[in-house]
Amino acid sequence: MTYLRNVRLGRVHAELLTGATGVTEVAGRWGFTHLSRFSAAYRRRFGAAPSETLARSGGRDGGERR
């Protein structure tokens, strides 16, 4: 399960770097349904919140949900 979670986190990270969409949409697309757990795992893996990654990439809403 750790391997699969890391693969999914990596895919979310890659999508957020493109700035194409919001954090909630990307996380849901990759099967993360509990957003606070997702965010904590993402921060542990990449050292930043998903919204920070999206904001740095110039993404929509700086990662905020509408």
PDB file of N, CA and C in Angstrom:
ATOM      1  N   MET A   1       0.818  -1.208   0.000  1.00  0.00           N
ATOM      2  CA  MET A   1       0.000   0.000   0.000  1.00  0.00           C
ATOM      3  C   MET A   1       0.860   1.270   0.000  1.00  0.00           C
ATOM      4  N   THR A   2       1.996   1.215   0.676  1.00  0.00           N
ATOM      5  CA  THR A   2       2.874   2.381   0.712  1.00  0.00           C
ATOM      6  C   THR A   2       3.348   2.729  -0.693  1.00  0.00           C
ATOM      7  N   TYR A   3       3.707   1.712  -1.455  1.00  0.00           N
ATOM      8  CA  TYR A   3       4.152   1.943  -2.829  1.00  0.00           C
ATOM      9  C   TYR A   3       3.056   2.620  -3.651  1.00  0.00           C
ATOM     10  N   LEU A   4       1.849   2.092  -3.570  1.00  0.00           N
ATOM     11  CA  LEU A   4       0.742   2.669  -4.337  1.00  0.00           C
ATOM     12  C   LEU A   4       0.441   4.102  -3.919  1.00  0.00           C
ATOM     13  N   ARG A   5       0.451   4.353  -2.622  1.00  0.00           N
ATOM     14  CA  ARG A   5       0.214   5.721  -2.145  1.00  0.00           C
ATOM     15  C   ARG A   5       1.289   6.665  -2.673  1.00  0.00           C
ATOM     16  N   ASN A   6       2.540   6.221  -2.662  1.00  0.00           N
ATOM     17  CA  ASN A   6       3.623   7.064  -3.168  1.00  0.00           C
ATOM     18  C   ASN A   6       3.496   7.322  -4.660  1.00  0.00           C
ATOM     19  N   VAL A   7       3.081   6.325  -5.412  1.00  0.00           N
ATOM     20  CA  VAL A   7       2.853   6.523  -6.848  1.00  0.00           C
ATOM     21  C   VAL A   7       1.746   7.553  -7.051  1.00  0.00           C
ATOM     22  N   ARG A   8       0.642   7.390  -6.329  1.00  0.00           N
ATOM     23  CA  ARG A   8      -0.484   8.321  -6.472  1.00  0.00           C
ATOM     24  C   ARG A   8      -0.085   9.731  -6.039  1.00  0.00           C
ATOM     25  N   LEU A   9       0.671   9.848  -4.947  1.00  0.00           N
ATOM     26  CA  LEU A   9       1.145  11.164  -4.510  1.00  0.00           C
ATOM     27  C   LEU A   9       2.032  11.798  -5.576  1.00  0.00           C
ATOM     28  N   GLY A  10       2.876  11.000  -6.188  1.00  0.00           N
ATOM     29  CA  GLY A  10       3.740  11.499  -7.252  1.00  0.00           C
ATOM     30  C   GLY A  10       2.946  12.008  -8.441  1.00  0.00           C
ATOM     31  N   ARG A  11       1.870  11.305  -8.785  1.00  0.00           N
ATOM     32  CA  ARG A  11       1.035  11.733  -9.908  1.00  0.00           C
ATOM     33  C   ARG A  11       0.293  13.023  -9.582  1.00  0.00           C
ATOM     34  N   VAL A  12      -0.186  13.127  -8.345  1.00  0.00           N
ATOM     35  CA  VAL A  12      -0.837  14.370  -7.918  1.00  0.00           C
ATOM     36  C   VAL A  12       0.164  15.513  -8.004  1.00  0.00           C
ATOM     37  N   HIS A  13       1.357  15.284  -7.500  1.00  0.00           N
ATOM     38  CA  HIS A  13       2.404  16.308  -7.518  1.00  0.00           C
ATOM     39  C   HIS A  13       2.682  16.770  -8.952  1.00  0.00           C
ATOM     40  N   ALA A  14       2.799  15.824  -9.854  1.00  0.00           N
ATOM     41  CA  ALA A  14       3.070  16.160 -11.254  1.00  0.00           C
ATOM     42  C   ALA A  14       1.946  17.002 -11.845  1.00  0.00           C
ATOM     43  N   GLU A  15       0.709  16.646 -11.543  1.00  0.00           N
ATOM     44  CA  GLU A  15      -0.425  17.430 -12.058  1.00  0.00           C
ATOM     45  C   GLU A  15      -0.457  18.826 -11.464  1.00  0.00           C
ATOM     46  N   LEU A  16      -0.179  18.935 -10.173  1.00  0.00           N
ATOM     47  CA  LEU A  16      -0.190  20.252  -9.536  1.00  0.00           C
ATOM     48  C   LEU A  16       0.902  21.153 -10.110  1.00  0.00           C
ATOM     49  N   LEU A  17       2.012  20.564 -10.481  1.00  0.00           N
ATOM     50  CA  LEU A  17       3.100  21.349 -11.075  1.00  0.00           C
ATOM     51  C   LEU A  17       2.712  21.933 -12.431  1.00  0.00           C
ATOM     52  N   THR A  18       1.761  21.305 -13.107  1.00  0.00           N
ATOM     53  CA  THR A  18       1.312  21.845 -14.396  1.00  0.00           C
ATOM     54  C   THR A  18       0.380  23.028 -14.194  1.00  0.00           C
ATOM     55  N   GLY A  19      -0.197  23.144 -12.982  1.00  0.00           N
ATOM     56  CA  GLY A  19      -1.092  24.255 -12.681  1.00  0.00           C
ATOM     57  C   GLY A  19      -2.429  24.158 -13.388  1.00  0.00           C
ATOM     58  N   ALA A  20      -2.781  22.982 -13.840  1.00  0.00           N
ATOM     59  CA  ALA A  20      -3.955  22.828 -14.692  1.00  0.00           C
ATOM     60  C   ALA A  20      -5.285  22.842 -13.945  1.00  0.00           C
ATOM     61  N   THR A  21      -5.304  22.504 -12.678  1.00  0.00           N
ATOM     62  CA  THR A  21      -6.584  22.346 -11.972  1.00  0.00           C
ATOM     63  C   THR A  21      -6.384  22.573 -10.474  1.00  0.00           C
ATOM     64  N   GLY A  22      -7.418  22.352  -9.677  1.00  0.00           N
ATOM     65  CA  GLY A  22      -7.345  22.564  -8.240  1.00  0.00           C
ATOM     66  C   GLY A  22      -6.947  21.325  -7.470  1.00  0.00           C
ATOM     67  N   VAL A  23      -6.541  21.522  -6.246  1.00  0.00           N
ATOM     68  CA  VAL A  23      -6.071  20.438  -5.392  1.00  0.00           C
ATOM     69  C   VAL A  23      -7.162  19.399  -5.163  1.00  0.00           C
ATOM     70  N   THR A  24      -8.352  19.832  -4.843  1.00  0.00           N
ATOM     71  CA  THR A  24      -9.441  18.901  -4.547  1.00  0.00           C
ATOM     72  C   THR A  24      -9.738  18.000  -5.735  1.00  0.00           C
ATOM     73  N   GLU A  25      -9.771  18.582  -6.924  1.00  0.00           N
ATOM     74  CA  GLU A  25     -10.071  17.808  -8.122  1.00  0.00           C
ATOM     75  C   GLU A  25      -8.986  16.764  -8.400  1.00  0.00           C
ATOM     76  N   VAL A  26      -7.733  17.187  -8.285  1.00  0.00           N
ATOM     77  CA  VAL A  26      -6.623  16.273  -8.559  1.00  0.00           C
ATOM     78  C   VAL A  26      -6.582  15.158  -7.518  1.00  0.00           C
ATOM     79  N   ALA A  27      -6.714  15.512  -6.253  1.00  0.00           N
ATOM     80  CA  ALA A  27      -6.681  14.503  -5.189  1.00  0.00           C
ATOM     81  C   ALA A  27      -7.796  13.484  -5.384  1.00  0.00           C
ATOM     82  N   GLY A  28      -8.987  13.944  -5.688  1.00  0.00           N
ATOM     83  CA  GLY A  28     -10.104  13.036  -5.926  1.00  0.00           C
ATOM     84  C   GLY A  28      -9.877  12.134  -7.117  1.00  0.00           C
ATOM     85  N   ARG A  29      -9.320  12.691  -8.172  1.00  0.00           N
ATOM     86  CA  ARG A  29      -9.053  11.905  -9.380  1.00  0.00           C
ATOM     87  C   ARG A  29      -8.074  10.766  -9.095  1.00  0.00           C
ATOM     88  N   TRP A  30      -7.156  10.977  -8.168  1.00  0.00           N
ATOM     89  CA  TRP A  30      -6.168   9.952  -7.833  1.00  0.00           C
ATOM     90  C   TRP A  30      -6.566   9.125  -6.608  1.00  0.00           C
ATOM     91  N   GLY A  31      -7.819   9.233  -6.185  1.00  0.00           N
ATOM     92  CA  GLY A  31      -8.355   8.334  -5.167  1.00  0.00           C
ATOM     93  C   GLY A  31      -8.172   8.760  -3.725  1.00  0.00           C
ATOM     94  N   PHE A  32      -7.774  10.000  -3.502  1.00  0.00           N
ATOM     95  CA  PHE A  32      -7.645  10.497  -2.133  1.00  0.00           C
ATOM     96  C   PHE A  32      -8.972  11.128  -1.735  1.00  0.00           C
ATOM     97  N   THR A  33      -9.691  10.477  -0.847  1.00  0.00           N
ATOM     98  CA  THR A  33     -11.011  10.964  -0.463  1.00  0.00           C
ATOM     99  C   THR A  33     -11.006  11.727   0.860  1.00  0.00           C
ATOM    100  N   HIS A  34     -10.029  11.482   1.694  1.00  0.00           N
ATOM    101  CA  HIS A  34      -9.917  12.166   2.979  1.00  0.00           C
ATOM    102  C   HIS A  34      -8.849  13.244   2.820  1.00  0.00           C
ATOM    103  N   LEU A  35      -9.279  14.481   2.582  1.00  0.00           N
ATOM    104  CA  LEU A  35      -8.354  15.533   2.175  1.00  0.00           C
ATOM    105  C   LEU A  35      -7.319  15.913   3.231  1.00  0.00           C
ATOM    106  N   SER A  36      -7.682  15.850   4.498  1.00  0.00           N
ATOM    107  CA  SER A  36      -6.678  16.211   5.507  1.00  0.00           C
ATOM    108  C   SER A  36      -5.585  15.147   5.594  1.00  0.00           C
ATOM    109  N   ARG A  37      -5.937  13.867   5.443  1.00  0.00           N
ATOM    110  CA  ARG A  37      -4.922  12.817   5.420  1.00  0.00           C
ATOM    111  C   ARG A  37      -4.061  12.933   4.166  1.00  0.00           C
ATOM    112  N   PHE A  38      -4.710  13.229   3.054  1.00  0.00           N
ATOM    113  CA  PHE A  38      -3.977  13.427   1.807  1.00  0.00           C
ATOM    114  C   PHE A  38      -2.961  14.565   1.968  1.00  0.00           C
ATOM    115  N   SER A  39      -3.422  15.684   2.504  1.00  0.00           N
ATOM    116  CA  SER A  39      -2.559  16.847   2.656  1.00  0.00           C
ATOM    117  C   SER A  39      -1.371  16.545   3.569  1.00  0.00           C
ATOM    118  N   ALA A  40      -1.614  15.816   4.647  1.00  0.00           N
ATOM    119  CA  ALA A  40      -0.536  15.465   5.571  1.00  0.00           C
ATOM    120  C   ALA A  40       0.486  14.546   4.900  1.00  0.00           C
ATOM    121  N   ALA A  41       0.005  13.563   4.153  1.00  0.00           N
ATOM    122  CA  ALA A  41       0.908  12.647   3.446  1.00  0.00           C
ATOM    123  C   ALA A  41       1.697  13.391   2.380  1.00  0.00           C
ATOM    124  N   TYR A  42       1.038  14.306   1.685  1.00  0.00           N
ATOM    125  CA  TYR A  42       1.689  15.098   0.644  1.00  0.00           C
ATOM    126  C   TYR A  42       2.789  15.962   1.259  1.00  0.00           C
ATOM    127  N   ARG A  43       2.485  16.599   2.373  1.00  0.00           N
ATOM    128  CA  ARG A  43       3.474  17.465   3.038  1.00  0.00           C
ATOM    129  C   ARG A  43       4.677  16.647   3.518  1.00  0.00           C
ATOM    130  N   ARG A  44       4.433  15.458   4.059  1.00  0.00           N
ATOM    131  CA  ARG A  44       5.535  14.592   4.492  1.00  0.00           C
ATOM    132  C   ARG A  44       6.422  14.213   3.300  1.00  0.00           C
ATOM    133  N   ARG A  45       5.804  13.933   2.172  1.00  0.00           N
ATOM    134  CA  ARG A  45       6.565  13.472   1.002  1.00  0.00           C
ATOM    135  C   ARG A  45       7.294  14.606   0.292  1.00  0.00           C
ATOM    136  N   PHE A  46       6.645  15.766   0.140  1.00  0.00           N
ATOM    137  CA  PHE A  46       7.198  16.829  -0.685  1.00  0.00           C
ATOM    138  C   PHE A  46       7.622  18.077   0.090  1.00  0.00           C
ATOM    139  N   GLY A  47       7.341  18.122   1.386  1.00  0.00           N
ATOM    140  CA  GLY A  47       7.798  19.238   2.206  1.00  0.00           C
ATOM    141  C   GLY A  47       7.011  20.526   2.029  1.00  0.00           C
ATOM    142  N   ALA A  48       5.862  20.446   1.400  1.00  0.00           N
ATOM    143  CA  ALA A  48       5.009  21.621   1.195  1.00  0.00           C
ATOM    144  C   ALA A  48       3.569  21.142   1.059  1.00  0.00           C
ATOM    145  N   ALA A  49       2.648  22.030   1.353  1.00  0.00           N
ATOM    146  CA  ALA A  49       1.233  21.699   1.173  1.00  0.00           C
ATOM    147  C   ALA A  49       0.915  21.625  -0.317  1.00  0.00           C
ATOM    148  N   PRO A  50      -0.071  20.811  -0.702  1.00  0.00           N
ATOM    149  CA  PRO A  50      -0.446  20.733  -2.111  1.00  0.00           C
ATOM    150  C   PRO A  50      -0.818  22.105  -2.686  1.00  0.00           C
ATOM    151  N   SER A  51      -1.490  22.917  -1.899  1.00  0.00           N
ATOM    152  CA  SER A  51      -1.884  24.243  -2.386  1.00  0.00           C
ATOM    153  C   SER A  51      -0.671  25.127  -2.642  1.00  0.00           C
ATOM    154  N   GLU A  52       0.404  24.940  -1.857  1.00  0.00           N
ATOM    155  CA  GLU A  52       1.629  25.700  -2.083  1.00  0.00           C
ATOM    156  C   GLU A  52       2.286  25.300  -3.405  1.00  0.00           C
ATOM    157  N   THR A  53       2.266  24.006  -3.700  1.00  0.00           N
ATOM    158  CA  THR A  53       2.816  23.528  -4.972  1.00  0.00           C
ATOM    159  C   THR A  53       2.037  24.124  -6.131  1.00  0.00           C
ATOM    160  N   LEU A  54       0.726  24.093  -6.018  1.00  0.00           N
ATOM    161  CA  LEU A  54      -0.113  24.635  -7.082  1.00  0.00           C
ATOM    162  C   LEU A  54       0.102  26.133  -7.242  1.00  0.00           C
ATOM    163  N   ALA A  55       0.211  26.848  -6.141  1.00  0.00           N
ATOM    164  CA  ALA A  55       0.419  28.293  -6.203  1.00  0.00           C
ATOM    165  C   ALA A  55       1.760  28.628  -6.853  1.00  0.00           C
ATOM    166  N   ARG A  56       2.806  27.880  -6.506  1.00  0.00           N
ATOM    167  CA  ARG A  56       4.122  28.111  -7.104  1.00  0.00           C
ATOM    168  C   ARG A  56       4.110  27.853  -8.602  1.00  0.00           C
ATOM    169  N   SER A  57       3.242  26.939  -9.044  1.00  0.00           N
ATOM    170  CA  SER A  57       3.186  26.621 -10.468  1.00  0.00           C
ATOM    171  C   SER A  57       2.343  27.641 -11.226  1.00  0.00           C
ATOM    172  N   GLY A  58       1.692  28.559 -10.480  1.00  0.00           N
ATOM    173  CA  GLY A  58       0.829  29.542 -11.119  1.00  0.00           C
ATOM    174  C   GLY A  58      -0.556  29.002 -11.400  1.00  0.00           C
ATOM    175  N   GLY A  59      -0.911  27.947 -10.674  1.00  0.00           N
ATOM    176  CA  GLY A  59      -2.181  27.267 -10.914  1.00  0.00           C
ATOM    177  C   GLY A  59      -3.398  28.057 -10.472  1.00  0.00           C
ATOM    178  N   ARG A  60      -4.516  27.547 -10.849  1.00  0.00           N
ATOM    179  CA  ARG A  60      -5.813  28.136 -10.576  1.00  0.00           C
ATOM    180  C   ARG A  60      -6.038  28.322  -9.085  1.00  0.00           C
ATOM    181  N   ASP A  61      -6.433  29.499  -8.684  1.00  0.00           N
ATOM    182  CA  ASP A  61      -6.844  29.840  -7.320  1.00  0.00           C
ATOM    183  C   ASP A  61      -5.778  29.604  -6.259  1.00  0.00           C
ATOM    184  N   GLY A  62      -4.554  29.391  -6.639  1.00  0.00           N
ATOM    185  CA  GLY A  62      -3.528  29.090  -5.648  1.00  0.00           C
ATOM    186  C   GLY A  62      -3.853  27.843  -4.859  1.00  0.00           C
ATOM    187  N   GLY A  63      -4.655  26.956  -5.457  1.00  0.00           N
ATOM    188  CA  GLY A  63      -5.009  25.703  -4.804  1.00  0.00           C
ATOM    189  C   GLY A  63      -6.264  25.764  -3.976  1.00  0.00           C
ATOM    190  N   GLU A  64      -6.891  26.907  -3.907  1.00  0.00           N
ATOM    191  CA  GLU A  64      -8.100  27.041  -3.101  1.00  0.00           C
ATOM    192  C   GLU A  64      -9.295  26.491  -3.848  1.00  0.00           C
ATOM    193  N   ARG A  65     -10.194  25.916  -3.097  1.00  0.00           N
ATOM    194  CA  ARG A  65     -11.412  25.353  -3.674  1.00  0.00           C
ATOM    195  C   ARG A  65     -12.444  26.448  -3.864  1.00  0.00           C
ATOM    196  N   ARG A  66     -13.151  26.403  -4.958  1.00  0.00           N
ATOM    197  CA  ARG A  66     -14.232  27.381  -5.203  1.00  0.00           C
ATOM    198  C   ARG A  66     -15.537  26.878  -4.707  1.00  0.00           C
TER     199      ARG A  66
END
